[in-house]
Each structure stands twice: as C-alpha cells, then as structure tokens.
N, C-alpha and C. Protein backbone atom coordinates (compact mmCIF):
# COMPACT_ATOMS: atom_id res chain seq x y z
N MET A 1 -14.67 122.86 2.93
CA MET A 1 -15.41 121.69 2.50
C MET A 1 -15.65 120.83 3.73
N LYS A 2 -16.83 120.32 3.84
CA LYS A 2 -17.16 119.47 4.97
C LYS A 2 -16.53 118.10 4.81
N ARG A 3 -16.23 117.50 5.94
CA ARG A 3 -15.60 116.19 5.94
C ARG A 3 -16.49 115.14 5.26
N ARG A 4 -17.78 115.17 5.52
CA ARG A 4 -18.72 114.22 4.94
C ARG A 4 -18.73 114.34 3.42
N THR A 5 -18.73 115.55 2.90
CA THR A 5 -18.72 115.78 1.46
C THR A 5 -17.43 115.25 0.84
N LEU A 6 -16.32 115.49 1.51
CA LEU A 6 -15.03 115.03 1.03
C LEU A 6 -14.98 113.50 0.98
N LEU A 7 -15.42 112.84 2.06
CA LEU A 7 -15.42 111.38 2.09
C LEU A 7 -16.37 110.79 1.05
N GLY A 8 -17.52 111.43 0.88
CA GLY A 8 -18.47 110.96 -0.13
C GLY A 8 -17.89 111.08 -1.53
N GLY A 9 -17.23 112.19 -1.78
CA GLY A 9 -16.61 112.40 -3.09
C GLY A 9 -15.49 111.39 -3.35
N LEU A 10 -14.70 111.11 -2.33
CA LEU A 10 -13.64 110.11 -2.48
C LEU A 10 -14.21 108.72 -2.72
N GLY A 11 -15.31 108.42 -2.07
CA GLY A 11 -15.96 107.12 -2.28
C GLY A 11 -16.46 106.97 -3.71
N VAL A 12 -17.06 108.02 -4.24
CA VAL A 12 -17.54 108.00 -5.62
C VAL A 12 -16.37 107.83 -6.58
N LEU A 13 -15.27 108.53 -6.32
CA LEU A 13 -14.09 108.40 -7.17
C LEU A 13 -13.51 106.98 -7.12
N ALA A 14 -13.51 106.38 -5.94
CA ALA A 14 -12.98 105.02 -5.81
C ALA A 14 -13.83 104.03 -6.59
N VAL A 15 -15.14 104.16 -6.50
CA VAL A 15 -16.04 103.28 -7.24
C VAL A 15 -15.87 103.48 -8.74
N ALA A 16 -15.75 104.73 -9.17
CA ALA A 16 -15.56 105.02 -10.59
C ALA A 16 -14.24 104.45 -11.10
N ALA A 17 -13.19 104.59 -10.30
CA ALA A 17 -11.89 104.05 -10.72
C ALA A 17 -11.94 102.53 -10.80
N GLY A 18 -12.58 101.90 -9.85
CA GLY A 18 -12.72 100.44 -9.89
C GLY A 18 -13.51 99.99 -11.11
N GLY A 19 -14.56 100.71 -11.44
CA GLY A 19 -15.35 100.39 -12.63
C GLY A 19 -14.55 100.57 -13.90
N ALA A 20 -13.73 101.61 -13.95
CA ALA A 20 -12.91 101.85 -15.14
C ALA A 20 -11.91 100.73 -15.34
N VAL A 21 -11.31 100.26 -14.26
CA VAL A 21 -10.36 99.15 -14.36
C VAL A 21 -11.08 97.90 -14.83
N TRP A 22 -12.26 97.63 -14.30
CA TRP A 22 -13.02 96.44 -14.70
C TRP A 22 -13.41 96.51 -16.17
N LEU A 23 -13.84 97.70 -16.62
CA LEU A 23 -14.23 97.84 -18.02
C LEU A 23 -13.04 97.67 -18.96
N ARG A 24 -11.89 98.12 -18.53
CA ARG A 24 -10.70 98.00 -19.37
C ARG A 24 -10.26 96.56 -19.48
N LYS A 25 -10.38 95.81 -18.43
CA LYS A 25 -9.98 94.40 -18.44
C LYS A 25 -11.03 93.60 -17.67
N PRO A 26 -12.07 93.15 -18.37
CA PRO A 26 -13.13 92.39 -17.69
C PRO A 26 -12.59 91.06 -17.17
N PRO A 27 -13.31 90.46 -16.23
CA PRO A 27 -12.86 89.17 -15.68
C PRO A 27 -12.75 88.13 -16.79
N ARG A 28 -11.77 87.24 -16.63
CA ARG A 28 -11.57 86.18 -17.63
C ARG A 28 -12.71 85.17 -17.56
N LYS A 29 -13.05 84.66 -18.71
CA LYS A 29 -14.08 83.63 -18.79
C LYS A 29 -13.51 82.34 -18.21
N THR A 30 -14.34 81.56 -17.58
CA THR A 30 -13.89 80.29 -17.03
C THR A 30 -14.29 79.16 -17.99
N TYR A 31 -13.48 78.12 -17.99
CA TYR A 31 -13.69 76.98 -18.88
C TYR A 31 -13.63 75.69 -18.06
N PRO A 32 -14.25 74.62 -18.56
CA PRO A 32 -14.14 73.34 -17.86
C PRO A 32 -12.67 72.91 -17.80
N PRO A 33 -12.26 72.27 -16.72
CA PRO A 33 -10.86 71.86 -16.60
C PRO A 33 -10.46 70.82 -17.65
N THR A 34 -9.21 70.91 -18.08
CA THR A 34 -8.65 69.94 -19.02
C THR A 34 -7.26 69.56 -18.51
N PRO A 35 -6.68 68.50 -19.04
CA PRO A 35 -5.31 68.15 -18.65
C PRO A 35 -4.28 69.13 -19.23
N TYR A 36 -4.73 70.08 -20.03
CA TYR A 36 -3.81 70.99 -20.71
C TYR A 36 -3.99 72.44 -20.26
N ASP A 37 -4.57 72.64 -19.11
CA ASP A 37 -4.83 74.00 -18.63
C ASP A 37 -3.55 74.79 -18.39
N ASP A 38 -2.44 74.11 -18.11
CA ASP A 38 -1.18 74.84 -17.94
C ASP A 38 -0.80 75.57 -19.23
N LEU A 39 -1.23 75.05 -20.36
CA LEU A 39 -0.97 75.70 -21.65
C LEU A 39 -2.12 76.64 -22.04
N LEU A 40 -3.34 76.17 -21.89
CA LEU A 40 -4.49 76.92 -22.36
C LEU A 40 -4.72 78.21 -21.58
N THR A 41 -4.21 78.30 -20.36
CA THR A 41 -4.37 79.56 -19.62
C THR A 41 -3.50 80.67 -20.20
N ARG A 42 -2.63 80.33 -21.13
CA ARG A 42 -1.77 81.35 -21.75
C ARG A 42 -2.47 82.10 -22.88
N ILE A 43 -3.69 81.68 -23.22
CA ILE A 43 -4.45 82.41 -24.23
C ILE A 43 -5.66 83.05 -23.56
N ASP A 44 -6.04 84.21 -24.05
CA ASP A 44 -7.13 84.95 -23.42
C ASP A 44 -8.51 84.44 -23.81
N ASP A 45 -8.67 83.99 -25.04
CA ASP A 45 -9.99 83.62 -25.52
C ASP A 45 -9.95 82.25 -26.18
N ARG A 46 -10.25 81.23 -25.41
CA ARG A 46 -10.22 79.86 -25.94
C ARG A 46 -11.27 79.65 -27.02
N ASP A 47 -12.39 80.36 -26.92
CA ASP A 47 -13.45 80.18 -27.91
C ASP A 47 -12.96 80.62 -29.28
N TRP A 48 -12.31 81.80 -29.35
CA TRP A 48 -11.78 82.26 -30.62
C TRP A 48 -10.69 81.30 -31.12
N ALA A 49 -9.81 80.88 -30.22
CA ALA A 49 -8.73 79.97 -30.60
C ALA A 49 -9.31 78.66 -31.14
N ALA A 50 -10.38 78.17 -30.53
CA ALA A 50 -11.00 76.93 -31.00
C ALA A 50 -11.59 77.11 -32.40
N LYS A 51 -12.14 78.29 -32.68
CA LYS A 51 -12.67 78.54 -34.03
C LYS A 51 -11.55 78.49 -35.05
N PHE A 52 -10.42 79.10 -34.73
CA PHE A 52 -9.26 79.04 -35.63
C PHE A 52 -8.71 77.62 -35.67
N GLY A 53 -8.81 76.90 -34.56
CA GLY A 53 -8.32 75.53 -34.48
C GLY A 53 -8.99 74.59 -35.46
N VAL A 54 -10.23 74.87 -35.87
CA VAL A 54 -10.91 74.05 -36.87
C VAL A 54 -10.09 74.03 -38.16
N SER A 55 -9.62 75.20 -38.58
CA SER A 55 -8.81 75.28 -39.81
C SER A 55 -7.45 74.64 -39.61
N VAL A 56 -6.88 74.80 -38.42
CA VAL A 56 -5.57 74.20 -38.14
C VAL A 56 -5.69 72.68 -38.18
N LEU A 57 -6.72 72.13 -37.58
CA LEU A 57 -6.90 70.68 -37.56
C LEU A 57 -7.10 70.11 -38.96
N ALA A 58 -7.69 70.91 -39.86
CA ALA A 58 -7.83 70.46 -41.24
C ALA A 58 -6.46 70.37 -41.91
N THR A 59 -5.53 71.20 -41.46
CA THR A 59 -4.16 71.20 -41.99
C THR A 59 -3.32 70.11 -41.35
N LEU A 60 -3.62 69.76 -40.10
CA LEU A 60 -2.85 68.76 -39.35
C LEU A 60 -3.74 67.56 -39.00
N PRO A 61 -4.05 66.70 -39.94
CA PRO A 61 -4.98 65.60 -39.66
C PRO A 61 -4.47 64.60 -38.62
N ALA A 62 -3.16 64.51 -38.41
CA ALA A 62 -2.61 63.55 -37.44
C ALA A 62 -2.45 64.15 -36.05
N PHE A 63 -2.96 65.37 -35.84
CA PHE A 63 -2.81 66.04 -34.54
C PHE A 63 -3.51 65.28 -33.44
N THR A 64 -2.83 65.13 -32.30
CA THR A 64 -3.47 64.62 -31.08
C THR A 64 -3.17 65.62 -29.97
N PRO A 65 -4.11 65.82 -29.05
CA PRO A 65 -3.86 66.77 -27.98
C PRO A 65 -2.58 66.45 -27.18
N ALA A 66 -2.31 65.18 -26.94
CA ALA A 66 -1.13 64.81 -26.14
C ALA A 66 0.17 65.20 -26.83
N THR A 67 0.29 64.92 -28.12
CA THR A 67 1.53 65.27 -28.81
C THR A 67 1.64 66.77 -29.02
N GLY A 68 0.53 67.42 -29.31
CA GLY A 68 0.55 68.88 -29.45
C GLY A 68 0.95 69.55 -28.15
N ALA A 69 0.41 69.07 -27.04
CA ALA A 69 0.74 69.64 -25.74
C ALA A 69 2.21 69.40 -25.40
N ALA A 70 2.72 68.22 -25.71
CA ALA A 70 4.13 67.93 -25.43
C ALA A 70 5.04 68.88 -26.21
N THR A 71 4.71 69.11 -27.47
CA THR A 71 5.50 70.04 -28.29
C THR A 71 5.42 71.45 -27.73
N LEU A 72 4.23 71.88 -27.36
CA LEU A 72 4.07 73.22 -26.80
C LEU A 72 4.81 73.38 -25.48
N ARG A 73 4.73 72.39 -24.62
CA ARG A 73 5.43 72.48 -23.34
C ARG A 73 6.94 72.60 -23.54
N ALA A 74 7.46 71.84 -24.51
CA ALA A 74 8.90 71.90 -24.79
C ALA A 74 9.29 73.26 -25.35
N ARG A 75 8.47 73.83 -26.20
CA ARG A 75 8.80 75.11 -26.82
C ARG A 75 8.57 76.30 -25.90
N LEU A 76 7.52 76.23 -25.10
CA LEU A 76 7.18 77.38 -24.26
C LEU A 76 8.05 77.48 -23.01
N GLY A 77 8.21 76.37 -22.32
CA GLY A 77 8.91 76.46 -21.04
C GLY A 77 8.23 77.51 -20.18
N LYS A 78 8.98 78.53 -19.79
CA LYS A 78 8.41 79.62 -18.99
C LYS A 78 8.17 80.86 -19.85
N GLU A 79 8.39 80.74 -21.16
CA GLU A 79 8.18 81.86 -22.06
C GLU A 79 6.70 82.11 -22.30
N THR A 80 6.41 83.26 -22.85
CA THR A 80 5.04 83.56 -23.26
C THR A 80 4.79 82.93 -24.63
N LEU A 81 3.53 82.81 -24.97
CA LEU A 81 3.18 82.29 -26.28
C LEU A 81 3.70 83.23 -27.37
N GLN A 82 3.67 84.52 -27.10
CA GLN A 82 4.17 85.50 -28.06
C GLN A 82 5.66 85.28 -28.34
N ALA A 83 6.44 85.04 -27.30
CA ALA A 83 7.88 84.80 -27.47
C ALA A 83 8.13 83.51 -28.25
N ALA A 84 7.37 82.47 -27.93
CA ALA A 84 7.52 81.20 -28.65
C ALA A 84 7.16 81.36 -30.12
N ALA A 85 6.11 82.14 -30.40
CA ALA A 85 5.72 82.38 -31.78
C ALA A 85 6.82 83.14 -32.52
N GLN A 86 7.45 84.09 -31.85
CA GLN A 86 8.55 84.84 -32.45
C GLN A 86 9.71 83.90 -32.79
N HIS A 87 10.05 83.01 -31.86
CA HIS A 87 11.13 82.04 -32.10
C HIS A 87 10.77 81.10 -33.26
N ASP A 88 9.51 80.69 -33.32
CA ASP A 88 9.07 79.83 -34.43
C ASP A 88 9.24 80.54 -35.77
N ALA A 89 8.83 81.78 -35.82
CA ALA A 89 8.94 82.53 -37.07
C ALA A 89 10.40 82.70 -37.48
N GLU A 90 11.24 83.00 -36.51
CA GLU A 90 12.67 83.17 -36.80
C GLU A 90 13.31 81.87 -37.28
N ALA A 91 12.84 80.74 -36.75
CA ALA A 91 13.38 79.43 -37.11
C ALA A 91 12.71 78.83 -38.35
N GLY A 92 11.72 79.54 -38.90
CA GLY A 92 11.03 79.04 -40.08
C GLY A 92 10.00 77.97 -39.78
N ARG A 93 9.62 77.83 -38.52
CA ARG A 93 8.60 76.85 -38.15
C ARG A 93 7.22 77.51 -38.27
N VAL A 94 6.70 77.49 -39.48
CA VAL A 94 5.40 78.08 -39.75
C VAL A 94 4.54 77.07 -40.50
N LEU A 95 3.24 77.22 -40.37
CA LEU A 95 2.28 76.38 -41.09
C LEU A 95 1.42 77.29 -41.95
N GLU A 96 1.01 76.77 -43.09
CA GLU A 96 0.06 77.51 -43.90
C GLU A 96 -1.34 77.04 -43.52
N VAL A 97 -2.14 77.96 -43.05
CA VAL A 97 -3.50 77.66 -42.63
C VAL A 97 -4.43 78.61 -43.39
N LYS A 98 -5.17 78.05 -44.32
CA LYS A 98 -6.11 78.84 -45.15
C LYS A 98 -5.42 80.05 -45.78
N GLY A 99 -4.21 79.83 -46.30
CA GLY A 99 -3.50 80.90 -46.99
C GLY A 99 -2.68 81.81 -46.09
N TRP A 100 -2.75 81.63 -44.78
CA TRP A 100 -1.98 82.43 -43.84
C TRP A 100 -0.80 81.63 -43.33
N LEU A 101 0.35 82.28 -43.19
CA LEU A 101 1.50 81.64 -42.56
C LEU A 101 1.43 81.94 -41.06
N VAL A 102 1.38 80.88 -40.27
CA VAL A 102 1.16 81.01 -38.83
C VAL A 102 2.29 80.30 -38.10
N PRO A 103 2.88 80.93 -37.07
CA PRO A 103 3.89 80.22 -36.28
C PRO A 103 3.28 78.94 -35.70
N GLU A 104 4.09 77.87 -35.68
CA GLU A 104 3.59 76.58 -35.21
C GLU A 104 3.01 76.63 -33.80
N SER A 105 3.62 77.39 -32.92
CA SER A 105 3.11 77.46 -31.54
C SER A 105 1.69 77.99 -31.51
N ILE A 106 1.41 79.00 -32.30
CA ILE A 106 0.05 79.56 -32.36
C ILE A 106 -0.91 78.52 -32.94
N ALA A 107 -0.49 77.87 -34.01
CA ALA A 107 -1.35 76.86 -34.64
C ALA A 107 -1.62 75.70 -33.69
N LEU A 108 -0.58 75.23 -33.02
CA LEU A 108 -0.77 74.10 -32.09
C LEU A 108 -1.67 74.49 -30.92
N MET A 109 -1.53 75.72 -30.42
CA MET A 109 -2.39 76.17 -29.31
C MET A 109 -3.84 76.24 -29.76
N ALA A 110 -4.08 76.72 -30.98
CA ALA A 110 -5.45 76.78 -31.50
C ALA A 110 -6.02 75.37 -31.69
N ALA A 111 -5.21 74.47 -32.20
CA ALA A 111 -5.67 73.08 -32.38
C ALA A 111 -5.97 72.44 -31.03
N LEU A 112 -5.14 72.72 -30.04
CA LEU A 112 -5.37 72.17 -28.69
C LEU A 112 -6.65 72.74 -28.10
N ALA A 113 -6.88 74.03 -28.31
CA ALA A 113 -8.12 74.65 -27.81
C ALA A 113 -9.34 74.01 -28.45
N LYS A 114 -9.27 73.75 -29.75
CA LYS A 114 -10.41 73.11 -30.42
C LYS A 114 -10.60 71.67 -29.98
N ALA A 115 -9.50 70.94 -29.85
CA ALA A 115 -9.57 69.53 -29.48
C ALA A 115 -10.11 69.34 -28.07
N THR A 116 -9.94 70.33 -27.21
CA THR A 116 -10.39 70.20 -25.82
C THR A 116 -11.65 70.99 -25.54
N ALA A 117 -12.18 71.68 -26.55
CA ALA A 117 -13.38 72.52 -26.34
C ALA A 117 -14.58 71.64 -26.06
N ALA A 118 -15.45 72.15 -25.18
CA ALA A 118 -16.70 71.45 -24.90
C ALA A 118 -17.57 71.51 -26.15
N GLN A 119 -18.14 70.42 -26.53
CA GLN A 119 -18.99 70.37 -27.71
C GLN A 119 -20.34 71.00 -27.38
N PRO A 120 -20.88 71.83 -28.32
CA PRO A 120 -22.17 72.48 -28.05
C PRO A 120 -23.32 71.51 -28.01
C-alpha cells in the first residue's frame, strides 16, 4: 500500500470518527446568562425544563427564583441533579405536578428554568 493512500485513508477515518462523536453528542445550546447558571448548567435542555416549569409554577405559586436557587444550592452541593432527586425521593420530598410525583429538586430546577427563560 502506498504511503499517500494510507495517510488519506487515515484522514478519512479521523474525520468520520469526529463526525460520529459530534452526532452522538451535539454541542450544547447556549443561553443568555443568569444569576443561576451554576445550577442551570446541570440540566441539558433548559427549553424543555422551562416547559415543564410552567406546570410546576402553577403548583408553587409562591416560588421565587432566589429562594428556589437557595434550596437547590443547599441540596445539590457538588452532587448531580440525579443524585439530589434520588435523595428527595428517599426522603419523601416530592411534589404532585399534573398527576405526576416529582422529586422536589427536579421540580425546583424546572421552575427556575421557566422563571429565568427569555420571553419569546
């Protein structure tokens, strides 16, 4: 095999591998900065969370972003949102949102995403 053919083939493989990685995990969407980005960066899709947050906010009429963020910061620490949600479920800290029982951490994160979302 010629050296040029080998290098060309390796180049094609490298580009294909890079494309496969990108397709598997596309770049994260960017959002306008908020004072709560330390929390909101823990969710992959703020738009979806904000849609769910509409229902959460209907359940929590006294919610404010500052108090929700303070609660989340205390519960999360350096843990993942998934771990905090597991602890909430184990401790019985769940909310009923449109007939679903949701760990409080998930509900508060969705409410925070909605409260800080840019209005269309």
